[in-house]
N, C-alpha and C. Protein backbone atom coordinates (compact mmCIF):
# COMPACT_ATOMS: atom_id res chain seq x y z
N MET A 1 63.76 35.33 117.69
CA MET A 1 63.97 33.96 117.51
C MET A 1 63.21 33.37 116.61
N ALA A 2 63.69 32.02 116.34
CA ALA A 2 62.87 31.54 115.25
C ALA A 2 61.64 30.61 115.74
N THR A 3 60.71 30.75 114.91
CA THR A 3 59.48 29.90 115.30
C THR A 3 59.56 28.38 115.22
N ILE A 4 60.17 27.74 115.95
CA ILE A 4 60.17 26.21 116.13
C ILE A 4 59.05 25.66 116.87
N GLU A 5 58.27 24.71 116.18
CA GLU A 5 57.39 23.92 117.07
C GLU A 5 57.96 22.81 117.79
N GLU A 6 57.74 23.10 119.14
CA GLU A 6 58.33 22.31 120.06
C GLU A 6 57.12 21.35 120.79
N THR A 7 57.17 20.06 120.30
CA THR A 7 56.47 19.14 120.89
C THR A 7 57.33 17.95 121.77
N THR A 8 56.69 17.84 122.71
CA THR A 8 57.59 16.63 123.68
C THR A 8 56.47 15.29 123.62
N THR A 9 57.24 14.18 123.29
CA THR A 9 56.55 12.92 123.09
C THR A 9 57.12 11.95 124.08
N ARG A 10 56.22 11.32 125.09
CA ARG A 10 56.50 10.32 126.02
C ARG A 10 55.60 9.25 126.07
N VAL A 11 56.05 8.14 126.29
CA VAL A 11 55.39 6.90 126.57
C VAL A 11 55.48 6.38 128.11
N TYR A 12 54.13 6.17 128.66
CA TYR A 12 53.95 5.58 129.71
C TYR A 12 53.13 4.44 129.90
N THR A 13 53.58 3.48 130.86
CA THR A 13 52.53 2.46 131.25
C THR A 13 52.08 2.91 132.81
N ILE A 14 50.65 3.17 132.63
CA ILE A 14 50.23 3.45 133.86
C ILE A 14 49.26 2.67 134.52
N ASN A 15 49.58 2.42 135.89
CA ASN A 15 49.09 1.49 136.68
C ASN A 15 47.84 1.94 137.39
N LEU A 16 46.82 1.20 137.24
CA LEU A 16 45.32 1.69 137.68
C LEU A 16 44.82 1.06 138.40
N GLY A 17 45.71 0.24 139.21
CA GLY A 17 45.00 -0.82 140.40
C GLY A 17 44.63 -0.11 141.61
N LYS A 18 44.92 1.09 141.94
CA LYS A 18 44.26 1.90 142.90
C LYS A 18 43.00 2.37 142.64
N ALA A 19 42.37 1.97 141.45
CA ALA A 19 41.03 2.44 141.16
C ALA A 19 39.97 1.54 142.15
N TRP A 20 40.44 0.48 142.27
CA TRP A 20 39.72 -0.68 142.97
C TRP A 20 39.43 -0.39 144.27
N ILE A 21 40.15 0.60 144.82
CA ILE A 21 39.95 1.07 146.39
C ILE A 21 38.49 1.99 146.37
N THR A 22 38.07 2.46 145.27
CA THR A 22 36.83 3.43 145.24
C THR A 22 35.62 2.47 145.11
N ALA A 23 34.57 3.18 145.17
CA ALA A 23 33.17 1.98 144.85
C ALA A 23 33.34 1.63 143.72
N GLN A 24 32.60 0.53 143.62
CA GLN A 24 32.53 -0.12 142.10
C GLN A 24 31.76 0.56 141.07
N HIS A 25 30.83 1.20 141.51
CA HIS A 25 30.00 2.02 140.31
C HIS A 25 30.88 3.31 139.78
N LYS A 26 32.00 3.85 140.48
CA LYS A 26 32.98 4.78 140.35
C LYS A 26 34.20 4.52 139.65
N ARG A 27 34.53 3.18 139.38
CA ARG A 27 36.02 2.86 139.13
C ARG A 27 36.45 3.46 137.70
N THR A 28 35.66 3.38 136.59
CA THR A 28 36.08 3.92 135.41
C THR A 28 36.07 5.31 135.37
N ASP A 29 35.26 5.88 136.17
CA ASP A 29 35.37 7.37 136.39
C ASP A 29 36.55 7.91 137.19
N ARG A 30 37.02 7.02 138.02
CA ARG A 30 38.20 7.48 138.73
C ARG A 30 39.48 7.04 137.87
N VAL A 31 39.41 6.13 137.10
CA VAL A 31 40.54 5.72 136.29
C VAL A 31 40.89 7.01 135.17
N VAL A 32 39.89 7.62 134.88
CA VAL A 32 39.97 8.70 133.89
C VAL A 32 40.48 9.91 134.61
N ASN A 33 40.21 10.21 135.81
CA ASN A 33 40.91 11.34 136.81
C ASN A 33 42.26 10.90 136.98
N MET A 34 42.37 9.42 137.17
CA MET A 34 43.92 9.10 137.60
C MET A 34 44.87 9.54 136.32
N ILE A 35 44.58 9.07 134.95
CA ILE A 35 45.06 9.34 133.86
C ILE A 35 45.43 10.99 133.68
N ARG A 36 44.45 11.53 134.08
CA ARG A 36 44.33 13.29 134.06
C ARG A 36 45.60 13.70 134.96
N GLU A 37 45.51 13.18 136.21
CA GLU A 37 46.34 13.72 137.21
C GLU A 37 47.99 13.12 136.68
N PHE A 38 48.06 11.96 136.53
CA PHE A 38 49.17 11.55 135.85
C PHE A 38 49.83 12.14 134.94
N ALA A 39 49.08 12.95 133.70
CA ALA A 39 49.70 13.56 132.80
C ALA A 39 49.99 14.89 133.22
N GLU A 40 49.08 15.56 134.10
CA GLU A 40 49.35 16.80 134.71
C GLU A 40 50.80 17.02 135.38
N LYS A 41 50.83 15.67 136.13
CA LYS A 41 52.19 15.73 137.17
C LYS A 41 53.51 15.52 136.14
N HIS A 42 53.38 14.44 135.27
CA HIS A 42 54.58 14.19 134.42
C HIS A 42 54.93 15.13 133.30
N MET A 43 53.75 15.68 132.84
CA MET A 43 54.15 16.62 131.81
C MET A 43 53.87 18.10 132.06
N LYS A 44 53.51 18.51 133.29
CA LYS A 44 53.65 19.81 133.77
C LYS A 44 52.81 20.79 133.06
N SER A 45 51.61 20.18 132.87
CA SER A 45 50.44 21.29 132.42
C SER A 45 49.25 20.79 132.83
N THR A 46 48.36 21.85 132.95
CA THR A 46 46.93 21.70 133.51
C THR A 46 46.06 21.25 132.40
N GLU A 47 46.32 21.49 131.21
CA GLU A 47 45.33 21.42 130.11
C GLU A 47 45.62 20.05 129.70
N VAL A 48 44.61 18.86 129.81
CA VAL A 48 44.88 17.62 129.16
C VAL A 48 43.77 17.24 128.76
N LYS A 49 44.02 16.42 127.38
CA LYS A 49 42.97 15.95 126.52
C LYS A 49 43.20 14.51 126.20
N LEU A 50 42.13 13.70 126.57
CA LEU A 50 42.22 12.15 126.31
C LEU A 50 41.67 12.11 124.77
N ASP A 51 42.39 11.06 124.33
CA ASP A 51 42.05 10.75 122.85
C ASP A 51 40.71 9.83 123.06
N GLN A 52 40.09 9.83 122.06
CA GLN A 52 38.66 9.15 121.93
C GLN A 52 38.90 7.44 121.99
N ASP A 53 40.03 7.11 121.26
CA ASP A 53 40.29 5.54 121.30
C ASP A 53 40.71 4.94 122.71
N LEU A 54 41.41 6.33 123.36
CA LEU A 54 41.81 5.68 124.68
C LEU A 54 40.49 5.67 125.75
N ASN A 55 39.48 6.81 125.45
CA ASN A 55 38.28 6.72 126.25
C ASN A 55 37.49 5.36 126.04
N ARG A 56 37.51 4.85 124.70
CA ARG A 56 36.78 3.83 124.37
C ARG A 56 37.40 2.84 124.87
N GLN A 57 38.82 2.31 124.94
CA GLN A 57 39.35 0.98 125.59
C GLN A 57 38.97 1.37 127.17
N LEU A 58 39.11 2.39 127.77
CA LEU A 58 38.82 2.46 129.30
C LEU A 58 37.22 2.17 129.63
N TRP A 59 36.39 2.40 128.82
CA TRP A 59 34.90 2.20 129.02
C TRP A 59 34.46 0.96 128.27
N SER A 60 35.52 0.25 127.56
CA SER A 60 34.70 -0.87 126.82
C SER A 60 34.50 -2.19 127.71
N ARG A 61 34.70 -2.38 128.90
CA ARG A 61 34.27 -3.28 129.82
C ARG A 61 33.53 -2.73 130.91
N GLY A 62 32.84 -1.56 130.63
CA GLY A 62 31.75 -1.37 131.45
C GLY A 62 32.41 -0.32 132.62
N LYS A 63 31.50 0.30 133.63
CA LYS A 63 31.90 1.05 134.45
C LYS A 63 32.41 0.53 135.79
N THR A 64 32.26 -0.81 135.94
CA THR A 64 32.92 -1.39 137.12
C THR A 64 34.06 -2.22 136.87
N ASN A 65 34.37 -2.31 135.75
CA ASN A 65 35.60 -3.13 135.32
C ASN A 65 36.74 -2.52 134.27
N PRO A 66 37.35 -1.42 134.77
CA PRO A 66 38.15 -0.80 133.77
C PRO A 66 39.65 -1.64 133.80
N PRO A 67 40.30 -1.22 132.77
CA PRO A 67 41.79 -2.06 132.92
C PRO A 67 42.67 -1.66 134.04
N ARG A 68 43.61 -2.86 134.22
CA ARG A 68 44.32 -2.48 135.63
C ARG A 68 45.70 -1.70 135.26
N LYS A 69 46.01 -1.81 133.80
CA LYS A 69 47.10 -0.92 133.46
C LYS A 69 46.82 -0.53 131.90
N VAL A 70 47.24 0.67 131.55
CA VAL A 70 47.20 1.29 130.22
C VAL A 70 48.50 1.57 129.53
N ARG A 71 48.91 1.54 128.49
CA ARG A 71 50.03 2.15 128.00
C ARG A 71 49.85 3.17 127.26
N VAL A 72 50.42 4.38 127.35
CA VAL A 72 49.66 5.59 126.61
C VAL A 72 50.87 6.29 126.06
N LYS A 73 50.81 7.10 125.03
CA LYS A 73 51.52 8.11 124.51
C LYS A 73 51.09 9.39 124.82
N MET A 74 52.04 10.08 125.63
CA MET A 74 51.67 11.57 125.76
C MET A 74 52.50 12.60 125.10
N VAL A 75 51.37 13.63 124.27
CA VAL A 75 52.23 14.63 123.39
C VAL A 75 51.96 16.02 123.90
N LYS A 76 53.08 16.76 124.26
CA LYS A 76 52.72 18.27 124.77
C LYS A 76 53.25 19.05 123.60
N GLU A 77 52.08 19.62 123.27
CA GLU A 77 52.23 20.64 122.16
C GLU A 77 52.73 22.19 122.69
N GLU A 78 52.96 22.92 121.70
CA GLU A 78 53.69 24.17 121.98
C GLU A 78 52.73 25.25 123.17
N GLY A 79 51.57 25.02 123.14
CA GLY A 79 50.65 25.94 123.71
C GLY A 79 50.50 25.34 125.16
N GLY A 80 50.85 24.28 125.37
CA GLY A 80 50.69 23.50 126.50
C GLY A 80 49.82 22.65 126.86
N VAL A 81 48.96 22.23 125.81
CA VAL A 81 48.06 21.26 125.76
C VAL A 81 48.61 19.93 125.58
N VAL A 82 48.28 19.08 126.36
CA VAL A 82 48.99 17.44 126.42
C VAL A 82 47.79 16.75 126.02
N THR A 83 48.03 15.85 125.02
CA THR A 83 47.03 14.96 124.33
C THR A 83 47.45 13.69 124.74
N VAL A 84 46.73 12.65 125.41
CA VAL A 84 46.97 11.31 125.85
C VAL A 84 46.13 10.48 124.96
N SER A 85 46.95 9.52 124.25
CA SER A 85 46.20 8.60 123.38
C SER A 85 46.92 7.42 123.62
N LEU A 86 46.28 6.19 123.08
CA LEU A 86 46.81 4.83 123.27
C LEU A 86 48.20 4.58 122.52
N TYR A 87 49.19 3.93 123.14
CA TYR A 87 50.31 3.63 122.43
C TYR A 87 50.31 2.44 121.43
N GLU A 88 50.46 2.24 120.34
CA GLU A 88 50.40 1.04 119.48
C GLU A 88 51.75 0.88 119.23
N ASP A 89 52.31 -0.53 119.36
CA ASP A 89 53.49 -0.92 118.80
C ASP A 89 53.41 -1.12 117.20
N LEU A 90 54.47 -1.42 116.38
CA LEU A 90 54.33 -1.75 115.03
C LEU A 90 53.68 -3.04 115.28
N PRO A 91 52.83 -3.38 114.27
CA PRO A 91 52.00 -4.73 114.23
C PRO A 91 53.25 -5.76 113.74
N ALA A 92 52.88 -6.96 114.29
CA ALA A 92 54.04 -8.05 114.40
C ALA A 92 54.08 -8.69 112.89
N SER A 93 53.22 -8.38 112.07
CA SER A 93 53.15 -9.03 110.67
C SER A 93 54.06 -8.13 109.91
N THR A 94 54.20 -7.14 110.07
CA THR A 94 55.02 -6.28 108.99
C THR A 94 56.61 -6.56 109.75
N THR A 95 56.86 -6.92 110.74
CA THR A 95 58.23 -7.09 110.92
C THR A 95 58.80 -8.70 110.64
N THR A 96 57.81 -9.48 110.58
CA THR A 96 58.14 -10.79 110.05
C THR A 96 58.39 -11.03 108.77
N ALA A 97 59.41 -11.71 108.25
CA ALA A 97 59.62 -11.90 106.85
C ALA A 97 59.18 -13.13 106.39
N THR A 98 58.75 -13.17 104.99
CA THR A 98 57.67 -14.06 104.55
C THR A 98 59.02 -14.94 103.69
N VAL A 99 58.77 -16.25 103.66
CA VAL A 99 59.94 -16.80 102.95
C VAL A 99 59.27 -17.81 101.92
N GLU A 100 59.84 -17.51 100.68
CA GLU A 100 59.30 -17.90 99.71
C GLU A 100 60.17 -19.17 99.21
N THR A 101 59.31 -20.52 98.82
CA THR A 101 60.06 -21.34 98.35
C THR A 101 60.08 -21.69 97.03
N PRO A 102 61.05 -21.61 96.33
CA PRO A 102 61.21 -21.87 94.96
C PRO A 102 60.79 -23.19 94.35
N GLU A 103 59.88 -23.25 93.22
CA GLU A 103 59.28 -24.54 92.61
C GLU A 103 60.53 -25.22 92.00
N SER A 104 61.27 -24.35 91.34
CA SER A 104 62.43 -25.37 90.72
C SER A 104 63.49 -24.53 90.42
N ASP A 105 64.87 -24.86 90.25
CA ASP A 105 66.12 -23.84 90.13
C ASP A 105 66.13 -23.86 88.75
N GLU A 106 66.26 -22.65 88.13
CA GLU A 106 66.37 -22.37 86.76
C GLU A 106 67.87 -23.11 86.03
N LYS A 107 68.42 -23.38 86.97
CA LYS A 107 70.08 -23.96 86.28
C LYS A 107 69.44 -25.59 86.21
N GLY A 108 68.53 -25.92 86.48
CA GLY A 108 68.10 -27.56 86.29
C GLY A 108 68.55 -28.13 87.68
N GLY A 109 68.76 -27.45 88.78
CA GLY A 109 69.47 -28.18 89.95
C GLY A 109 68.12 -29.11 90.77
N ALA A 110 68.26 -29.09 92.19
CA ALA A 110 67.53 -30.04 93.03
C ALA A 110 66.11 -29.28 93.05
N GLU A 111 65.23 -30.08 92.89
CA GLU A 111 63.89 -29.60 93.47
C GLU A 111 63.42 -29.88 95.03
N ILE A 112 62.68 -29.30 95.60
CA ILE A 112 62.48 -29.40 96.99
C ILE A 112 61.25 -30.42 96.77
N LYS A 113 60.97 -31.59 97.49
CA LYS A 113 59.98 -32.42 97.27
C LYS A 113 59.37 -32.70 98.67
N GLY A 114 57.97 -33.05 98.48
CA GLY A 114 57.59 -33.36 99.73
C GLY A 114 57.69 -34.78 100.19
N PRO A 115 57.09 -35.45 101.41
CA PRO A 115 57.29 -36.61 102.09
C PRO A 115 56.78 -37.69 100.84
N GLU A 116 55.51 -37.35 100.22
CA GLU A 116 54.95 -38.48 99.22
C GLU A 116 55.86 -38.54 97.98
N GLU A 117 56.32 -37.59 97.59
CA GLU A 117 57.28 -37.63 96.35
C GLU A 117 58.43 -38.58 96.62
N THR A 118 59.21 -38.21 97.65
CA THR A 118 60.34 -38.61 97.85
C THR A 118 60.13 -40.40 98.23
N SER A 119 59.09 -40.73 98.48
CA SER A 119 59.04 -42.29 98.75
C SER A 119 58.51 -42.81 97.37
N SER A 120 57.89 -42.15 96.44
CA SER A 120 57.50 -42.70 94.91
C SER A 120 58.85 -42.86 94.40
N THR A 121 59.80 -41.86 94.52
CA THR A 121 60.95 -41.90 93.56
C THR A 121 62.02 -43.14 94.19
N ALA A 122 61.90 -43.27 95.55
CA ALA A 122 62.75 -44.33 95.94
C ALA A 122 62.01 -45.86 95.59
N GLU A 123 60.93 -45.89 95.43
CA GLU A 123 60.09 -47.10 94.83
C GLU A 123 60.55 -47.13 93.34
N GLN A 124 60.66 -46.12 92.69
CA GLN A 124 60.88 -46.01 91.33
C GLN A 124 62.37 -46.75 91.17
N SER A 125 63.19 -46.25 91.73
CA SER A 125 64.60 -46.57 91.92
C SER A 125 64.99 -48.17 92.05
N LYS A 126 64.07 -48.53 93.17
CA LYS A 126 64.33 -49.95 93.23
C LYS A 126 63.58 -50.92 92.19
N GLU A 127 62.74 -50.27 91.30
CA GLU A 127 62.02 -51.24 90.33
C GLU A 127 62.95 -51.24 89.08
N GLU A 128 63.87 -49.78 89.10
CA GLU A 128 64.75 -49.97 88.15
C GLU A 128 66.02 -50.80 88.27
N ARG A 129 66.54 -50.94 89.48
CA ARG A 129 67.30 -51.68 89.87
C ARG A 129 67.08 -53.22 89.55
N THR A 130 65.95 -53.76 89.83
CA THR A 130 65.34 -55.00 89.78
C THR A 130 65.42 -55.44 88.43
N THR A 131 64.79 -54.36 87.55
CA THR A 131 64.77 -54.88 86.14
C THR A 131 66.12 -55.07 85.31
N LYS A 132 66.95 -54.28 85.94
CA LYS A 132 68.35 -54.34 85.30
C LYS A 132 68.96 -55.48 85.32
């Protein structure tokens, strides 16, 4: 058989609200265990590793106030090791297009003017009419 690396990647949103049943000083510990249990159940592997960034986010608000939900990406490698990390969407700044306004048309066409410029040209045209 060919040696093809098989990796399975899945994205989940894990509800961690049941951690509030446990004692206040054990909540974040319970959240870490809940994520491990979730990964074992859904990825069918007993060897689960949490990513350092995920661990930092879980512990960022202390031991008594972990997040209620967390969006994770689970990757199961060929050896059966599951790595759980934070899921990050594409940043919004890369998907939005920037609009450039041309300063002037090369063919001598119309220019885009601000409100101050349009009022001054209207006044100039009135002066030209009165002088003629």
